[in-house]
Amino acid sequence: MSNWLDEIKWTDDGLVPAIAQETGTGKVLMMAWMNREALELTVKEGRAIYWSRSRNKLWRKGEESGHVQILKDIRLDCDNDVILLEVEQLGGIACHTGRHNCFFKQLKNNEWQAVDAVIKNPDDIYK
């Protein structure tokens, strides 16, 4: 019997990109990286757990902000190299900037412009 984790094509760094998509709306909330342990724990705990490349450690989404992502479904793409997490986003904020999702910049007139409002000031989220 093969281990489902062995079917994933990990990067040379042992990571796989993971896209978090909001259940019900289908809106893409964010993209982050997962290592083997993060993916295994995500499935085991039923919540999104990522690998923070900047902090070089596991990152349980919402551990500081309270904006936990509850796992509803998990998919692997056709090339076995991207994970899609369908999640319930608690608190309605997925982005560390205090926005609903991380894709709030839109290209307009050859400039990136923020087009989605901040729901909650990050200074009030992260103490």
C-alpha atoms as a PDB file:
ATOM      1  CA  MET A   1       0.000   0.000   0.000  1.00  0.00           C
ATOM      2  CA  SER A   2       1.482   3.365  -1.025  1.00  0.00           C
ATOM      3  CA  ASN A   3       1.493   6.379   1.241  1.00  0.00           C
ATOM      4  CA  TRP A   4      -0.642   9.172  -0.242  1.00  0.00           C
ATOM      5  CA  LEU A   5       2.090  11.670   0.694  1.00  0.00           C
ATOM      6  CA  ASP A   6       4.552   9.822  -1.560  1.00  0.00           C
ATOM      7  CA  GLU A   7       2.405  10.577  -4.613  1.00  0.00           C
ATOM      8  CA  ILE A   8       3.059  14.316  -4.274  1.00  0.00           C
ATOM      9  CA  LYS A   9       5.848  15.877  -6.336  1.00  0.00           C
ATOM     10  CA  TRP A  10       7.657  17.902  -3.691  1.00  0.00           C
ATOM     11  CA  THR A  11      10.092  20.692  -4.638  1.00  0.00           C
ATOM     12  CA  ASP A  12      13.799  20.196  -4.024  1.00  0.00           C
ATOM     13  CA  ASP A  13      13.190  21.999  -0.710  1.00  0.00           C
ATOM     14  CA  GLY A  14      10.530  19.430   0.243  1.00  0.00           C
ATOM     15  CA  LEU A  15       7.620  21.809  -0.280  1.00  0.00           C
ATOM     16  CA  VAL A  16       4.418  21.905  -2.307  1.00  0.00           C
ATOM     17  CA  PRO A  17       2.331  25.017  -3.082  1.00  0.00           C
ATOM     18  CA  ALA A  18      -1.102  25.015  -1.455  1.00  0.00           C
ATOM     19  CA  ILE A  19      -4.006  27.182  -2.537  1.00  0.00           C
ATOM     20  CA  ALA A  20      -6.722  27.928   0.018  1.00  0.00           C
ATOM     21  CA  GLN A  21     -10.148  28.337  -1.580  1.00  0.00           C
ATOM     22  CA  GLU A  22     -13.211  29.483   0.342  1.00  0.00           C
ATOM     23  CA  THR A  23     -15.964  26.902   0.603  1.00  0.00           C
ATOM     24  CA  GLY A  24     -19.275  28.094  -0.823  1.00  0.00           C
ATOM     25  CA  THR A  25     -17.885  31.066  -2.781  1.00  0.00           C
ATOM     26  CA  GLY A  26     -14.953  29.415  -4.539  1.00  0.00           C
ATOM     27  CA  LYS A  27     -12.899  32.575  -3.911  1.00  0.00           C
ATOM     28  CA  VAL A  28      -9.140  32.032  -3.768  1.00  0.00           C
ATOM     29  CA  LEU A  29      -8.067  33.247  -0.341  1.00  0.00           C
ATOM     30  CA  MET A  30      -4.330  32.701  -0.361  1.00  0.00           C
ATOM     31  CA  MET A  31      -1.393  30.588  -1.442  1.00  0.00           C
ATOM     32  CA  ALA A  32       1.193  29.218   0.954  1.00  0.00           C
ATOM     33  CA  TRP A  33       3.686  26.370   1.130  1.00  0.00           C
ATOM     34  CA  MET A  34       3.366  23.034   2.877  1.00  0.00           C
ATOM     35  CA  ASN A  35       5.956  20.461   3.762  1.00  0.00           C
ATOM     36  CA  ARG A  36       5.130  16.815   4.390  1.00  0.00           C
ATOM     37  CA  GLU A  37       4.489  17.348   8.110  1.00  0.00           C
ATOM     38  CA  ALA A  38       2.241  20.378   7.498  1.00  0.00           C
ATOM     39  CA  LEU A  39       0.109  18.473   4.998  1.00  0.00           C
ATOM     40  CA  GLU A  40      -0.125  15.408   7.218  1.00  0.00           C
ATOM     41  CA  LEU A  41      -1.132  17.548  10.226  1.00  0.00           C
ATOM     42  CA  THR A  42      -3.652  19.500   8.120  1.00  0.00           C
ATOM     43  CA  VAL A  43      -5.462  16.264   7.328  1.00  0.00           C
ATOM     44  CA  LYS A  44      -5.120  14.923  10.872  1.00  0.00           C
ATOM     45  CA  GLU A  45      -6.287  18.123  12.629  1.00  0.00           C
ATOM     46  CA  GLY A  46      -8.837  19.248  10.026  1.00  0.00           C
ATOM     47  CA  ARG A  47      -7.394  22.771   9.769  1.00  0.00           C
ATOM     48  CA  ALA A  48      -4.886  24.443   7.473  1.00  0.00           C
ATOM     49  CA  ILE A  49      -1.295  24.190   8.618  1.00  0.00           C
ATOM     50  CA  TYR A  50       1.434  25.593   6.412  1.00  0.00           C
ATOM     51  CA  TRP A  51       5.226  25.808   6.349  1.00  0.00           C
ATOM     52  CA  SER A  52       6.510  29.333   6.896  1.00  0.00           C
ATOM     53  CA  ARG A  53       9.606  29.806   4.749  1.00  0.00           C
ATOM     54  CA  SER A  54      10.421  33.128   6.422  1.00  0.00           C
ATOM     55  CA  ARG A  55      10.191  31.708   9.953  1.00  0.00           C
ATOM     56  CA  ASN A  56      11.381  28.235   8.940  1.00  0.00           C
ATOM     57  CA  LYS A  57       8.694  26.509  11.007  1.00  0.00           C
ATOM     58  CA  LEU A  58       5.162  25.118  10.926  1.00  0.00           C
ATOM     59  CA  TRP A  59       2.476  27.787  10.847  1.00  0.00           C
ATOM     60  CA  ARG A  60      -1.011  26.897  12.036  1.00  0.00           C
ATOM     61  CA  LYS A  61      -3.156  29.411  10.153  1.00  0.00           C
ATOM     62  CA  GLY A  62      -4.891  31.579  12.729  1.00  0.00           C
ATOM     63  CA  GLU A  63      -2.627  30.633  15.649  1.00  0.00           C
ATOM     64  CA  GLU A  64      -2.010  34.320  16.361  1.00  0.00           C
ATOM     65  CA  SER A  65      -4.921  36.063  14.618  1.00  0.00           C
ATOM     66  CA  GLY A  66      -7.695  33.593  15.376  1.00  0.00           C
ATOM     67  CA  HIS A  67      -8.472  33.430  11.645  1.00  0.00           C
ATOM     68  CA  VAL A  68      -8.339  29.645  11.434  1.00  0.00           C
ATOM     69  CA  GLN A  69      -9.045  27.785   8.203  1.00  0.00           C
ATOM     70  CA  ILE A  70     -11.240  24.725   8.778  1.00  0.00           C
ATOM     71  CA  LEU A  71     -10.538  22.023   6.191  1.00  0.00           C
ATOM     72  CA  LYS A  72     -13.592  20.956   4.164  1.00  0.00           C
ATOM     73  CA  ASP A  73     -11.925  19.180   1.225  1.00  0.00           C
ATOM     74  CA  ILE A  74      -8.456  18.582  -0.149  1.00  0.00           C
ATOM     75  CA  ARG A  75      -7.432  17.989  -3.761  1.00  0.00           C
ATOM     76  CA  LEU A  76      -4.238  17.292  -5.684  1.00  0.00           C
ATOM     77  CA  ASP A  77      -3.815  18.645  -9.212  1.00  0.00           C
ATOM     78  CA  CYS A  78      -3.205  16.514 -12.310  1.00  0.00           C
ATOM     79  CA  ASP A  79       0.580  16.948 -12.133  1.00  0.00           C
ATOM     80  CA  ASN A  80       0.640  15.996  -8.429  1.00  0.00           C
ATOM     81  CA  ASP A  81       2.474  19.221  -7.583  1.00  0.00           C
ATOM     82  CA  VAL A  82      -0.183  21.631  -6.240  1.00  0.00           C
ATOM     83  CA  ILE A  83      -2.572  21.166  -3.315  1.00  0.00           C
ATOM     84  CA  LEU A  84      -6.007  22.778  -3.257  1.00  0.00           C
ATOM     85  CA  LEU A  85      -7.578  23.198   0.170  1.00  0.00           C
ATOM     86  CA  GLU A  86     -11.265  24.012   0.395  1.00  0.00           C
ATOM     87  CA  VAL A  87     -11.639  25.823   3.704  1.00  0.00           C
ATOM     88  CA  GLU A  88     -14.075  27.653   5.915  1.00  0.00           C
ATOM     89  CA  GLN A  89     -12.317  30.908   6.780  1.00  0.00           C
ATOM     90  CA  LEU A  90     -13.120  31.827  10.374  1.00  0.00           C
ATOM     91  CA  GLY A  91     -13.386  35.564  11.007  1.00  0.00           C
ATOM     92  CA  GLY A  92     -13.647  36.315   7.283  1.00  0.00           C
ATOM     93  CA  ILE A  93      -9.994  37.411   7.088  1.00  0.00           C
ATOM     94  CA  ALA A  94      -7.333  35.291   5.407  1.00  0.00           C
ATOM     95  CA  CYS A  95      -4.663  37.931   4.706  1.00  0.00           C
ATOM     96  CA  HIS A  96      -2.173  39.304   7.226  1.00  0.00           C
ATOM     97  CA  THR A  97      -3.036  42.769   5.848  1.00  0.00           C
ATOM     98  CA  GLY A  98      -6.509  42.430   7.412  1.00  0.00           C
ATOM     99  CA  ARG A  99      -8.276  41.748   4.107  1.00  0.00           C
ATOM    100  CA  HIS A 100     -10.617  38.918   3.156  1.00  0.00           C
ATOM    101  CA  ASN A 101      -8.011  37.405   0.808  1.00  0.00           C
ATOM    102  CA  CYS A 102      -4.421  37.938  -0.246  1.00  0.00           C
ATOM    103  CA  PHE A 103      -5.208  38.769  -3.879  1.00  0.00           C
ATOM    104  CA  PHE A 104      -6.322  42.361  -3.340  1.00  0.00           C
ATOM    105  CA  LYS A 105      -3.984  44.057  -5.827  1.00  0.00           C
ATOM    106  CA  GLN A 106      -5.237  44.553  -9.376  1.00  0.00           C
ATOM    107  CA  LEU A 107      -3.203  45.726 -12.370  1.00  0.00           C
ATOM    108  CA  LYS A 108      -4.646  49.034 -13.583  1.00  0.00           C
ATOM    109  CA  ASN A 109      -2.830  51.334 -16.010  1.00  0.00           C
ATOM    110  CA  ASN A 110       0.389  49.330 -15.537  1.00  0.00           C
ATOM    111  CA  GLU A 111       0.309  49.784 -11.751  1.00  0.00           C
ATOM    112  CA  TRP A 112      -0.712  47.449  -8.949  1.00  0.00           C
ATOM    113  CA  GLN A 113      -3.576  49.027  -7.010  1.00  0.00           C
ATOM    114  CA  ALA A 114      -5.253  47.765  -3.843  1.00  0.00           C
ATOM    115  CA  VAL A 115      -8.917  47.269  -4.773  1.00  0.00           C
ATOM    116  CA  ASP A 116     -10.231  45.451  -1.687  1.00  0.00           C
ATOM    117  CA  ALA A 117     -10.739  47.187   1.628  1.00  0.00           C
ATOM    118  CA  VAL A 118      -9.038  46.321   4.898  1.00  0.00           C
ATOM    119  CA  ILE A 119     -11.610  44.625   7.146  1.00  0.00           C
ATOM    120  CA  LYS A 120      -9.562  44.964  10.324  1.00  0.00           C
ATOM    121  CA  ASN A 121      -6.355  46.863  10.993  1.00  0.00           C
ATOM    122  CA  PRO A 122      -3.454  44.372  11.254  1.00  0.00           C
ATOM    123  CA  ASP A 123      -2.174  46.252  14.332  1.00  0.00           C
ATOM    124  CA  ASP A 124      -5.397  45.228  16.067  1.00  0.00           C
ATOM    125  CA  ILE A 125      -5.004  41.598  14.929  1.00  0.00           C
ATOM    126  CA  TYR A 126      -1.338  40.975  15.677  1.00  0.00           C
ATOM    127  CA  LYS A 127      -0.230  42.195  19.075  1.00  0.00           C
END
